[in-house]
């Protein structure tokens, strides 16, 4: 009987340095609420759904991965580069450098 789980099989023979998510990225939330949506806004406004709204103001100008802080956790991910607004209950994961041209890598293992 094989007791190896999927991750163990995937990494078989590979040396891995395990780090917490907080060691490799910056985690934060937005400051906007749903009433800050404006259909005529030129900036994407990320809320807790797959739908991307618009806003006339932006809070961030960076490269990031955006996930809801509740609700669609594990199902909803947005990759953004540039200016955007963010709902107060949505989390942003930023790479080591917001100026980096390399997309951030986010690996999570949920058990």
C-alpha atoms as a PDB file:
ATOM      1  CA  UNK A   1       0.000   0.000   0.000  1.00  0.00           C
ATOM      2  CA  UNK A   2       1.337   3.415  -0.979  1.00  0.00           C
ATOM      3  CA  UNK A   3       0.955   6.035   1.759  1.00  0.00           C
ATOM      4  CA  UNK A   4       2.431   8.950  -0.219  1.00  0.00           C
ATOM      5  CA  UNK A   5       0.060  11.840  -0.798  1.00  0.00           C
ATOM      6  CA  UNK A   6      -0.095  13.819  -4.049  1.00  0.00           C
ATOM      7  CA  UNK A   7       2.360  16.507  -2.874  1.00  0.00           C
ATOM      8  CA  UNK A   8       4.879  13.887  -1.735  1.00  0.00           C
ATOM      9  CA  UNK A   9       4.681  12.150  -5.114  1.00  0.00           C
ATOM     10  CA  UNK A  10       4.953  15.435  -7.002  1.00  0.00           C
ATOM     11  CA  UNK A  11       8.061  16.469  -5.082  1.00  0.00           C
ATOM     12  CA  UNK A  12       9.723  13.039  -4.955  1.00  0.00           C
ATOM     13  CA  UNK A  13      13.489  13.515  -5.086  1.00  0.00           C
ATOM     14  CA  UNK A  14      13.301  17.319  -5.174  1.00  0.00           C
ATOM     15  CA  UNK A  15      14.907  19.387  -2.442  1.00  0.00           C
ATOM     16  CA  UNK A  16      12.364  21.917  -1.164  1.00  0.00           C
ATOM     17  CA  UNK A  17      12.752  24.883   1.146  1.00  0.00           C
ATOM     18  CA  UNK A  18       9.383  25.364   2.861  1.00  0.00           C
ATOM     19  CA  UNK A  19       8.373  28.897   3.793  1.00  0.00           C
ATOM     20  CA  UNK A  20       5.209  30.430   5.130  1.00  0.00           C
ATOM     21  CA  UNK A  21       3.175  32.586   2.777  1.00  0.00           C
ATOM     22  CA  UNK A  22       4.072  35.632   4.864  1.00  0.00           C
ATOM     23  CA  UNK A  23       7.773  35.013   4.217  1.00  0.00           C
ATOM     24  CA  UNK A  24       7.436  35.228   0.434  1.00  0.00           C
ATOM     25  CA  UNK A  25       4.653  37.747  -0.052  1.00  0.00           C
ATOM     26  CA  UNK A  26       2.885  40.716   1.467  1.00  0.00           C
ATOM     27  CA  UNK A  27      -0.753  40.131   2.455  1.00  0.00           C
ATOM     28  CA  UNK A  28      -3.246  42.941   2.873  1.00  0.00           C
ATOM     29  CA  UNK A  29      -6.782  44.106   2.159  1.00  0.00           C
ATOM     30  CA  UNK A  30      -8.443  46.923   0.260  1.00  0.00           C
ATOM     31  CA  UNK A  31     -10.217  49.992   1.612  1.00  0.00           C
ATOM     32  CA  UNK A  32     -13.239  50.267  -0.683  1.00  0.00           C
ATOM     33  CA  UNK A  33     -16.829  49.144  -0.207  1.00  0.00           C
ATOM     34  CA  UNK A  34     -19.372  48.027  -2.776  1.00  0.00           C
ATOM     35  CA  UNK A  35     -20.960  51.490  -2.931  1.00  0.00           C
ATOM     36  CA  UNK A  36     -17.645  52.798  -4.334  1.00  0.00           C
ATOM     37  CA  UNK A  37     -18.419  51.092  -7.651  1.00  0.00           C
ATOM     38  CA  UNK A  38     -18.857  53.409 -10.632  1.00  0.00           C
ATOM     39  CA  UNK A  39     -19.753  51.945 -14.042  1.00  0.00           C
ATOM     40  CA  UNK A  40     -17.911  54.818 -15.716  1.00  0.00           C
ATOM     41  CA  UNK A  41     -14.717  54.245 -13.741  1.00  0.00           C
ATOM     42  CA  UNK A  42     -11.530  53.504 -15.631  1.00  0.00           C
ATOM     43  CA  UNK A  43      -9.944  51.289 -12.963  1.00  0.00           C
ATOM     44  CA  UNK A  44     -10.817  47.656 -12.218  1.00  0.00           C
ATOM     45  CA  UNK A  45     -12.486  47.227  -8.834  1.00  0.00           C
ATOM     46  CA  UNK A  46     -12.059  43.752  -7.328  1.00  0.00           C
ATOM     47  CA  UNK A  47     -14.766  42.583  -4.936  1.00  0.00           C
ATOM     48  CA  UNK A  48     -15.623  39.159  -3.468  1.00  0.00           C
ATOM     49  CA  UNK A  49     -16.943  37.706  -6.724  1.00  0.00           C
ATOM     50  CA  UNK A  50     -15.640  36.599 -10.106  1.00  0.00           C
ATOM     51  CA  UNK A  51     -17.119  39.768 -11.590  1.00  0.00           C
ATOM     52  CA  UNK A  52     -14.738  42.709 -11.873  1.00  0.00           C
ATOM     53  CA  UNK A  53     -16.411  46.077 -11.318  1.00  0.00           C
ATOM     54  CA  UNK A  54     -15.168  49.609 -12.120  1.00  0.00           C
ATOM     55  CA  UNK A  55     -14.052  52.511  -9.967  1.00  0.00           C
ATOM     56  CA  UNK A  56     -13.051  56.114 -10.641  1.00  0.00           C
ATOM     57  CA  UNK A  57     -10.245  55.858  -8.063  1.00  0.00           C
ATOM     58  CA  UNK A  58      -7.444  53.361  -7.535  1.00  0.00           C
ATOM     59  CA  UNK A  59      -5.705  52.302  -4.320  1.00  0.00           C
ATOM     60  CA  UNK A  60      -2.869  50.191  -5.673  1.00  0.00           C
ATOM     61  CA  UNK A  61      -0.474  50.313  -8.627  1.00  0.00           C
ATOM     62  CA  UNK A  62       1.345  46.977  -8.644  1.00  0.00           C
ATOM     63  CA  UNK A  63       1.374  43.333  -9.694  1.00  0.00           C
ATOM     64  CA  UNK A  64      -0.665  41.088  -7.391  1.00  0.00           C
ATOM     65  CA  UNK A  65      -2.878  38.047  -6.971  1.00  0.00           C
ATOM     66  CA  UNK A  66      -6.267  38.878  -5.498  1.00  0.00           C
ATOM     67  CA  UNK A  67      -8.497  36.417  -3.622  1.00  0.00           C
ATOM     68  CA  UNK A  68     -11.677  36.932  -1.587  1.00  0.00           C
ATOM     69  CA  UNK A  69     -11.285  37.035   2.182  1.00  0.00           C
ATOM     70  CA  UNK A  70     -14.478  34.989   2.522  1.00  0.00           C
ATOM     71  CA  UNK A  71     -16.928  33.200   0.280  1.00  0.00           C
ATOM     72  CA  UNK A  72     -15.216  31.948  -2.889  1.00  0.00           C
ATOM     73  CA  UNK A  73     -11.895  31.130  -1.240  1.00  0.00           C
ATOM     74  CA  UNK A  74     -10.088  28.632  -3.439  1.00  0.00           C
ATOM     75  CA  UNK A  75     -12.396  29.297  -6.393  1.00  0.00           C
ATOM     76  CA  UNK A  76     -11.787  32.958  -7.215  1.00  0.00           C
ATOM     77  CA  UNK A  77      -8.374  34.335  -8.173  1.00  0.00           C
ATOM     78  CA  UNK A  78      -7.504  37.479 -10.117  1.00  0.00           C
ATOM     79  CA  UNK A  79      -4.051  38.343 -11.439  1.00  0.00           C
ATOM     80  CA  UNK A  80      -3.615  42.106 -11.831  1.00  0.00           C
ATOM     81  CA  UNK A  81      -0.877  44.379 -13.140  1.00  0.00           C
ATOM     82  CA  UNK A  82      -1.264  48.131 -12.799  1.00  0.00           C
ATOM     83  CA  UNK A  83      -3.782  50.379 -11.068  1.00  0.00           C
ATOM     84  CA  UNK A  84      -6.841  48.930  -9.325  1.00  0.00           C
ATOM     85  CA  UNK A  85      -9.290  49.351  -6.449  1.00  0.00           C
ATOM     86  CA  UNK A  86      -9.941  46.638  -3.880  1.00  0.00           C
ATOM     87  CA  UNK A  87     -12.874  45.821  -1.603  1.00  0.00           C
ATOM     88  CA  UNK A  88     -12.156  45.866   2.135  1.00  0.00           C
ATOM     89  CA  UNK A  89     -12.899  42.128   2.483  1.00  0.00           C
ATOM     90  CA  UNK A  90     -10.652  41.016  -0.364  1.00  0.00           C
ATOM     91  CA  UNK A  91      -7.038  40.039   0.130  1.00  0.00           C
ATOM     92  CA  UNK A  92      -4.091  40.938  -2.047  1.00  0.00           C
ATOM     93  CA  UNK A  93      -0.936  38.828  -2.291  1.00  0.00           C
ATOM     94  CA  UNK A  94       2.048  40.774  -3.566  1.00  0.00           C
ATOM     95  CA  UNK A  95       5.351  39.383  -4.728  1.00  0.00           C
ATOM     96  CA  UNK A  96       8.709  40.429  -3.297  1.00  0.00           C
ATOM     97  CA  UNK A  97       8.809  43.434  -5.614  1.00  0.00           C
ATOM     98  CA  UNK A  98       5.806  45.294  -6.956  1.00  0.00           C
ATOM     99  CA  UNK A  99       8.065  46.472  -9.809  1.00  0.00           C
ATOM    100  CA  UNK A 100       8.999  42.924 -10.824  1.00  0.00           C
ATOM    101  CA  UNK A 101       8.121  41.860 -14.370  1.00  0.00           C
ATOM    102  CA  UNK A 102       7.935  38.245 -13.223  1.00  0.00           C
ATOM    103  CA  UNK A 103       4.461  37.095 -12.139  1.00  0.00           C
ATOM    104  CA  UNK A 104       4.240  36.107  -8.474  1.00  0.00           C
ATOM    105  CA  UNK A 105       3.930  32.424  -7.680  1.00  0.00           C
ATOM    106  CA  UNK A 106       1.399  31.431  -5.080  1.00  0.00           C
ATOM    107  CA  UNK A 107       1.335  27.857  -3.842  1.00  0.00           C
ATOM    108  CA  UNK A 108      -1.021  26.882  -1.077  1.00  0.00           C
ATOM    109  CA  UNK A 109      -1.864  23.499   0.305  1.00  0.00           C
ATOM    110  CA  UNK A 110      -5.268  23.301   1.930  1.00  0.00           C
ATOM    111  CA  UNK A 111      -6.025  20.251   3.999  1.00  0.00           C
END
